[in-house]
Amino acid sequence: MANYFPVVLDQAGHQWLLGLPEDSFGSWEELRQAFIDNFIATCEQPGNKYNLERIWDKKNEPLHDYIRHFSDMRLKIPKISHDEAISPFIKGLCFHEASYYAKGRPRSLNSSPRPKIMPMPMTQKSSSAKT
């Protein structure tokens, strides 16, 4: 197994391993932990709800681009509820009509954010002639 470990490493991992002093580790667990400690910062970490709060729409950015960017980040966050995602979405609408979306607050990420618009009632003009 020790002979196989260098084979599965990429160039950076291989260079790290070759740069270690001989007999640096007494067990696989020690080697494993040193490897993780050295390379953990290069791995993409799962997001959290605070990552969503840092996403804002940009001036002249189409709304669908903001939605796509927000949704991409949302998918990287494990175990986040719809309610936890909806609030930062609405707060991130700086250059679009946020109040429009806030009026009809969606109950889920799949429902339409638009409020229902009721048609205006037709009014009849009275034609009373003066004599």
N, C-alpha and C. Protein backbone atom coordinates (compact mmCIF):
# COMPACT_ATOMS: atom_id res chain seq x y z
N MET A 1 0.83 -1.19 0.00
CA MET A 1 0.00 0.00 0.00
C MET A 1 0.87 1.25 0.00
N ALA A 2 1.97 1.22 0.71
CA ALA A 2 2.86 2.38 0.76
C ALA A 2 3.43 2.69 -0.61
N ASN A 3 3.66 1.67 -1.42
CA ASN A 3 4.19 1.89 -2.76
C ASN A 3 3.15 2.48 -3.70
N TYR A 4 1.87 2.24 -3.42
CA TYR A 4 0.79 2.71 -4.28
C TYR A 4 0.45 4.18 -4.01
N PHE A 5 0.66 4.66 -2.81
CA PHE A 5 0.28 6.03 -2.43
C PHE A 5 0.86 7.09 -3.37
N PRO A 6 2.13 7.10 -3.70
CA PRO A 6 2.66 8.14 -4.60
C PRO A 6 2.05 8.07 -6.01
N VAL A 7 1.59 6.92 -6.42
CA VAL A 7 1.03 6.76 -7.77
C VAL A 7 -0.29 7.53 -7.91
N VAL A 8 -1.08 7.60 -6.86
CA VAL A 8 -2.39 8.25 -6.95
C VAL A 8 -2.33 9.76 -6.70
N LEU A 9 -1.19 10.28 -6.33
CA LEU A 9 -1.06 11.72 -6.07
C LEU A 9 -0.87 12.50 -7.36
N ASP A 10 -1.38 13.73 -7.37
CA ASP A 10 -1.08 14.62 -8.50
C ASP A 10 0.31 15.21 -8.28
N GLN A 11 0.71 16.12 -9.16
CA GLN A 11 2.06 16.66 -9.08
C GLN A 11 2.33 17.37 -7.75
N ALA A 12 1.37 18.20 -7.28
CA ALA A 12 1.57 18.92 -6.03
C ALA A 12 1.68 17.96 -4.85
N GLY A 13 0.84 16.94 -4.82
CA GLY A 13 0.90 15.96 -3.75
C GLY A 13 2.19 15.15 -3.78
N HIS A 14 2.62 14.82 -4.95
CA HIS A 14 3.86 14.06 -5.10
C HIS A 14 5.06 14.89 -4.64
N GLN A 15 5.08 16.18 -5.02
CA GLN A 15 6.17 17.07 -4.59
C GLN A 15 6.18 17.21 -3.07
N TRP A 16 4.99 17.32 -2.48
CA TRP A 16 4.88 17.43 -1.02
C TRP A 16 5.47 16.18 -0.36
N LEU A 17 5.08 15.02 -0.87
CA LEU A 17 5.54 13.76 -0.30
C LEU A 17 7.06 13.62 -0.42
N LEU A 18 7.61 13.97 -1.57
CA LEU A 18 9.06 13.86 -1.77
C LEU A 18 9.84 14.86 -0.91
N GLY A 19 9.19 15.96 -0.55
CA GLY A 19 9.86 16.98 0.27
C GLY A 19 9.88 16.68 1.76
N LEU A 20 9.19 15.63 2.17
CA LEU A 20 9.15 15.29 3.60
C LEU A 20 10.45 14.58 4.02
N PRO A 21 10.89 14.86 5.24
CA PRO A 21 12.07 14.13 5.73
C PRO A 21 11.75 12.64 5.87
N GLU A 22 12.77 11.83 5.73
CA GLU A 22 12.60 10.38 5.85
C GLU A 22 12.11 10.04 7.27
N ASP A 23 11.26 9.06 7.37
CA ASP A 23 10.69 8.61 8.65
C ASP A 23 9.94 9.72 9.38
N SER A 24 9.18 10.52 8.61
CA SER A 24 8.40 11.63 9.21
C SER A 24 7.19 11.12 9.97
N PHE A 25 6.68 9.96 9.58
CA PHE A 25 5.43 9.47 10.17
C PHE A 25 5.61 8.05 10.69
N GLY A 26 4.96 7.80 11.80
CA GLY A 26 5.03 6.47 12.40
C GLY A 26 3.86 5.59 12.03
N SER A 27 2.81 6.18 11.40
CA SER A 27 1.63 5.40 11.03
C SER A 27 0.94 6.03 9.83
N TRP A 28 0.03 5.25 9.23
CA TRP A 28 -0.78 5.78 8.13
C TRP A 28 -1.67 6.92 8.61
N GLU A 29 -2.15 6.83 9.82
CA GLU A 29 -3.01 7.87 10.39
C GLU A 29 -2.26 9.20 10.47
N GLU A 30 -1.00 9.17 10.87
CA GLU A 30 -0.19 10.39 10.94
C GLU A 30 0.02 10.98 9.54
N LEU A 31 0.33 10.10 8.58
CA LEU A 31 0.50 10.55 7.19
C LEU A 31 -0.80 11.14 6.66
N ARG A 32 -1.89 10.45 6.91
CA ARG A 32 -3.22 10.92 6.47
C ARG A 32 -3.52 12.30 7.02
N GLN A 33 -3.32 12.50 8.31
CA GLN A 33 -3.64 13.78 8.94
C GLN A 33 -2.73 14.90 8.42
N ALA A 34 -1.45 14.60 8.23
CA ALA A 34 -0.53 15.60 7.69
C ALA A 34 -0.92 15.98 6.27
N PHE A 35 -1.33 15.01 5.47
CA PHE A 35 -1.77 15.26 4.10
C PHE A 35 -3.01 16.15 4.09
N ILE A 36 -3.98 15.81 4.91
CA ILE A 36 -5.22 16.60 5.00
C ILE A 36 -4.90 18.02 5.46
N ASP A 37 -4.11 18.17 6.50
CA ASP A 37 -3.77 19.50 7.02
C ASP A 37 -3.08 20.34 5.96
N ASN A 38 -2.27 19.72 5.13
CA ASN A 38 -1.53 20.46 4.11
C ASN A 38 -2.41 20.88 2.94
N PHE A 39 -3.37 20.04 2.55
CA PHE A 39 -4.13 20.30 1.33
C PHE A 39 -5.58 20.69 1.54
N ILE A 40 -6.03 20.81 2.78
CA ILE A 40 -7.45 21.11 3.04
C ILE A 40 -7.86 22.46 2.44
N ALA A 41 -6.97 23.41 2.44
CA ALA A 41 -7.31 24.75 1.93
C ALA A 41 -7.52 24.75 0.42
N THR A 42 -6.99 23.78 -0.28
CA THR A 42 -7.14 23.74 -1.74
C THR A 42 -8.43 23.05 -2.17
N CYS A 43 -9.15 22.44 -1.24
CA CYS A 43 -10.39 21.74 -1.55
C CYS A 43 -11.57 22.71 -1.46
N GLU A 44 -12.53 22.50 -2.34
CA GLU A 44 -13.75 23.31 -2.28
C GLU A 44 -14.58 22.83 -1.10
N GLN A 45 -14.90 23.75 -0.21
CA GLN A 45 -15.67 23.43 0.99
C GLN A 45 -17.15 23.65 0.72
N PRO A 46 -18.03 22.90 1.40
CA PRO A 46 -19.46 23.16 1.23
C PRO A 46 -19.80 24.55 1.73
N GLY A 47 -20.77 25.17 1.09
CA GLY A 47 -21.17 26.51 1.49
C GLY A 47 -22.07 26.49 2.71
N ASN A 48 -22.46 27.68 3.14
CA ASN A 48 -23.43 27.82 4.22
C ASN A 48 -24.34 28.98 3.88
N LYS A 49 -25.33 29.22 4.71
CA LYS A 49 -26.33 30.23 4.38
C LYS A 49 -25.73 31.63 4.28
N TYR A 50 -24.60 31.85 4.91
CA TYR A 50 -23.96 33.17 4.85
C TYR A 50 -23.35 33.43 3.47
N ASN A 51 -23.01 32.36 2.74
CA ASN A 51 -22.55 32.53 1.37
C ASN A 51 -23.65 33.12 0.50
N LEU A 52 -24.90 32.73 0.76
CA LEU A 52 -26.02 33.28 0.00
C LEU A 52 -26.21 34.76 0.27
N GLU A 53 -25.95 35.18 1.49
CA GLU A 53 -26.14 36.58 1.86
C GLU A 53 -25.10 37.50 1.22
N ARG A 54 -24.03 36.92 0.68
CA ARG A 54 -23.00 37.72 0.02
C ARG A 54 -23.22 37.83 -1.48
N ILE A 55 -24.32 37.26 -1.97
CA ILE A 55 -24.63 37.34 -3.40
C ILE A 55 -25.62 38.46 -3.63
N TRP A 56 -25.22 39.42 -4.44
CA TRP A 56 -26.06 40.57 -4.77
C TRP A 56 -26.14 40.68 -6.28
N ASP A 57 -27.28 41.14 -6.77
CA ASP A 57 -27.34 41.37 -8.21
C ASP A 57 -26.50 42.60 -8.54
N LYS A 58 -26.03 42.64 -9.75
CA LYS A 58 -25.16 43.74 -10.18
C LYS A 58 -25.92 44.68 -11.09
N LYS A 59 -25.46 45.90 -11.15
CA LYS A 59 -26.08 46.89 -12.02
C LYS A 59 -25.98 46.40 -13.46
N ASN A 60 -27.06 46.50 -14.18
CA ASN A 60 -27.17 46.07 -15.58
C ASN A 60 -27.05 44.55 -15.76
N GLU A 61 -27.12 43.79 -14.67
CA GLU A 61 -27.09 42.33 -14.76
C GLU A 61 -28.51 41.83 -15.01
N PRO A 62 -28.70 41.00 -16.02
CA PRO A 62 -30.05 40.45 -16.22
C PRO A 62 -30.47 39.63 -14.99
N LEU A 63 -31.73 39.68 -14.69
CA LEU A 63 -32.25 38.98 -13.53
C LEU A 63 -31.95 37.49 -13.59
N HIS A 64 -32.04 36.90 -14.78
CA HIS A 64 -31.80 35.45 -14.88
C HIS A 64 -30.35 35.11 -14.53
N ASP A 65 -29.40 36.02 -14.77
CA ASP A 65 -28.00 35.77 -14.37
C ASP A 65 -27.86 35.76 -12.85
N TYR A 66 -28.55 36.70 -12.19
CA TYR A 66 -28.53 36.72 -10.73
C TYR A 66 -29.15 35.44 -10.17
N ILE A 67 -30.27 35.02 -10.74
CA ILE A 67 -30.94 33.80 -10.28
C ILE A 67 -30.04 32.59 -10.48
N ARG A 68 -29.37 32.52 -11.63
CA ARG A 68 -28.48 31.38 -11.90
C ARG A 68 -27.32 31.35 -10.90
N HIS A 69 -26.70 32.52 -10.67
CA HIS A 69 -25.58 32.60 -9.73
C HIS A 69 -26.03 32.20 -8.32
N PHE A 70 -27.17 32.72 -7.91
CA PHE A 70 -27.72 32.41 -6.59
C PHE A 70 -28.03 30.90 -6.49
N SER A 71 -28.65 30.36 -7.51
CA SER A 71 -29.03 28.94 -7.49
C SER A 71 -27.81 28.03 -7.47
N ASP A 72 -26.76 28.41 -8.21
CA ASP A 72 -25.53 27.61 -8.18
C ASP A 72 -24.96 27.53 -6.77
N MET A 73 -24.96 28.67 -6.05
CA MET A 73 -24.46 28.67 -4.68
C MET A 73 -25.40 27.88 -3.78
N ARG A 74 -26.69 28.02 -3.98
CA ARG A 74 -27.69 27.31 -3.16
C ARG A 74 -27.49 25.80 -3.24
N LEU A 75 -27.13 25.30 -4.41
CA LEU A 75 -26.93 23.86 -4.59
C LEU A 75 -25.69 23.35 -3.87
N LYS A 76 -24.77 24.24 -3.52
CA LYS A 76 -23.54 23.84 -2.83
C LYS A 76 -23.72 23.82 -1.31
N ILE A 77 -24.91 24.18 -0.84
CA ILE A 77 -25.16 24.27 0.60
C ILE A 77 -26.02 23.09 1.03
N PRO A 78 -25.45 22.20 1.83
CA PRO A 78 -26.25 21.06 2.29
C PRO A 78 -27.21 21.48 3.40
N LYS A 79 -28.36 20.85 3.41
CA LYS A 79 -29.34 21.00 4.50
C LYS A 79 -29.74 22.45 4.75
N ILE A 80 -30.14 23.17 3.72
CA ILE A 80 -30.67 24.52 3.91
C ILE A 80 -32.14 24.49 3.50
N SER A 81 -32.98 25.10 4.32
CA SER A 81 -34.42 25.08 4.04
C SER A 81 -34.76 26.16 3.00
N HIS A 82 -35.95 26.04 2.45
CA HIS A 82 -36.41 27.04 1.49
C HIS A 82 -36.49 28.42 2.14
N ASP A 83 -36.98 28.47 3.38
CA ASP A 83 -37.10 29.75 4.07
C ASP A 83 -35.73 30.41 4.28
N GLU A 84 -34.73 29.61 4.59
CA GLU A 84 -33.39 30.17 4.78
C GLU A 84 -32.80 30.69 3.47
N ALA A 85 -33.24 30.17 2.34
CA ALA A 85 -32.72 30.60 1.04
C ALA A 85 -33.51 31.77 0.46
N ILE A 86 -34.79 31.85 0.73
CA ILE A 86 -35.63 32.89 0.13
C ILE A 86 -35.27 34.27 0.64
N SER A 87 -35.05 34.41 1.93
CA SER A 87 -34.74 35.73 2.50
C SER A 87 -33.48 36.36 1.90
N PRO A 88 -32.34 35.64 1.82
CA PRO A 88 -31.17 36.26 1.18
C PRO A 88 -31.37 36.53 -0.30
N PHE A 89 -32.21 35.72 -0.97
CA PHE A 89 -32.49 35.98 -2.38
C PHE A 89 -33.14 37.34 -2.56
N ILE A 90 -34.15 37.61 -1.75
CA ILE A 90 -34.87 38.89 -1.86
C ILE A 90 -33.97 40.05 -1.44
N LYS A 91 -33.18 39.87 -0.38
CA LYS A 91 -32.27 40.93 0.07
C LYS A 91 -31.19 41.23 -0.96
N GLY A 92 -30.84 40.25 -1.78
CA GLY A 92 -29.80 40.44 -2.78
C GLY A 92 -30.25 41.18 -4.02
N LEU A 93 -31.53 41.46 -4.11
CA LEU A 93 -32.06 42.19 -5.27
C LEU A 93 -31.86 43.69 -5.07
N CYS A 94 -30.73 44.21 -5.48
CA CYS A 94 -30.44 45.64 -5.32
C CYS A 94 -30.94 46.45 -6.51
N PHE A 95 -30.74 45.92 -7.70
CA PHE A 95 -31.03 46.68 -8.91
C PHE A 95 -32.29 46.21 -9.62
N HIS A 96 -32.99 45.28 -9.00
CA HIS A 96 -34.27 44.84 -9.53
C HIS A 96 -35.32 45.18 -8.48
N GLU A 97 -36.54 45.12 -8.85
CA GLU A 97 -37.62 45.54 -7.97
C GLU A 97 -37.85 44.50 -6.88
N ALA A 98 -37.10 44.63 -5.77
CA ALA A 98 -37.20 43.66 -4.68
C ALA A 98 -38.58 43.68 -4.04
N SER A 99 -39.20 44.86 -3.97
CA SER A 99 -40.51 44.94 -3.34
C SER A 99 -41.54 44.13 -4.14
N TYR A 100 -41.33 44.03 -5.44
CA TYR A 100 -42.22 43.24 -6.29
C TYR A 100 -42.20 41.78 -5.87
N TYR A 101 -41.03 41.27 -5.55
CA TYR A 101 -40.89 39.88 -5.16
C TYR A 101 -41.30 39.68 -3.70
N ALA A 102 -41.11 40.68 -2.87
CA ALA A 102 -41.41 40.55 -1.46
C ALA A 102 -42.91 40.54 -1.20
N LYS A 103 -43.71 41.19 -2.06
CA LYS A 103 -45.16 41.24 -1.85
C LYS A 103 -45.78 39.86 -1.84
N GLY A 104 -45.44 39.07 -2.81
CA GLY A 104 -46.00 37.72 -2.91
C GLY A 104 -44.95 36.72 -2.51
N ARG A 105 -44.47 36.77 -1.29
CA ARG A 105 -43.37 35.91 -0.82
C ARG A 105 -43.67 34.46 -1.16
N PRO A 106 -42.79 33.85 -1.93
CA PRO A 106 -43.03 32.45 -2.31
C PRO A 106 -42.94 31.52 -1.11
N ARG A 107 -43.66 30.44 -1.18
CA ARG A 107 -43.64 29.45 -0.10
C ARG A 107 -42.53 28.43 -0.31
N SER A 108 -42.02 28.35 -1.53
CA SER A 108 -40.91 27.44 -1.82
C SER A 108 -40.08 28.04 -2.94
N LEU A 109 -38.93 27.45 -3.22
CA LEU A 109 -38.08 27.95 -4.29
C LEU A 109 -38.64 27.63 -5.66
N ASN A 110 -39.62 26.72 -5.72
CA ASN A 110 -40.19 26.33 -7.00
C ASN A 110 -41.46 27.10 -7.34
N SER A 111 -42.01 27.86 -6.40
CA SER A 111 -43.24 28.59 -6.68
C SER A 111 -42.93 29.95 -7.28
N SER A 112 -43.89 30.48 -7.96
CA SER A 112 -43.71 31.78 -8.60
C SER A 112 -43.67 32.88 -7.56
N PRO A 113 -42.69 33.82 -7.66
CA PRO A 113 -42.61 34.89 -6.68
C PRO A 113 -43.59 36.02 -6.96
N ARG A 114 -44.27 35.97 -8.10
CA ARG A 114 -45.14 37.07 -8.48
C ARG A 114 -46.47 37.01 -7.72
N PRO A 115 -46.92 38.16 -7.23
CA PRO A 115 -48.24 38.18 -6.60
C PRO A 115 -49.31 38.06 -7.68
N LYS A 116 -50.45 37.55 -7.29
CA LYS A 116 -51.55 37.46 -8.24
C LYS A 116 -52.10 38.86 -8.49
N ILE A 117 -52.31 39.16 -9.74
CA ILE A 117 -52.83 40.48 -10.12
C ILE A 117 -54.28 40.30 -10.52
N MET A 118 -55.13 41.00 -9.84
CA MET A 118 -56.55 40.92 -10.11
C MET A 118 -56.90 41.93 -11.20
N PRO A 119 -57.76 41.57 -12.13
CA PRO A 119 -58.15 42.52 -13.17
C PRO A 119 -58.96 43.67 -12.58
N MET A 120 -58.81 44.82 -13.19
CA MET A 120 -59.56 46.01 -12.76
C MET A 120 -61.02 45.83 -13.17
N PRO A 121 -61.94 46.17 -12.27
CA PRO A 121 -63.36 46.07 -12.65
C PRO A 121 -63.70 47.12 -13.69
N MET A 122 -64.55 46.76 -14.61
CA MET A 122 -64.98 47.69 -15.66
C MET A 122 -65.99 48.67 -15.06
N THR A 123 -65.83 49.92 -15.34
CA THR A 123 -66.78 50.93 -14.87
C THR A 123 -67.54 51.47 -16.05
N GLN A 124 -68.79 51.78 -15.81
CA GLN A 124 -69.62 52.35 -16.88
C GLN A 124 -69.74 53.84 -16.66
N LYS A 125 -69.57 54.59 -17.73
CA LYS A 125 -69.72 56.04 -17.63
C LYS A 125 -71.22 56.37 -17.70
N SER A 126 -71.62 57.21 -16.82
CA SER A 126 -73.02 57.61 -16.85
C SER A 126 -73.18 58.71 -17.88
N SER A 127 -74.18 58.59 -18.70
CA SER A 127 -74.43 59.61 -19.71
C SER A 127 -75.73 60.32 -19.41
N SER A 128 -75.67 61.15 -18.41
CA SER A 128 -76.86 61.90 -18.04
C SER A 128 -76.80 63.22 -18.77
N ALA A 129 -77.78 63.46 -19.58
CA ALA A 129 -77.82 64.69 -20.38
C ALA A 129 -78.53 65.77 -19.60
N LYS A 130 -77.99 66.97 -19.63
CA LYS A 130 -78.60 68.09 -18.95
C LYS A 130 -79.59 68.77 -19.91
N THR A 131 -80.77 69.04 -19.42
CA THR A 131 -81.76 69.71 -20.26
C THR A 131 -82.17 71.02 -19.70
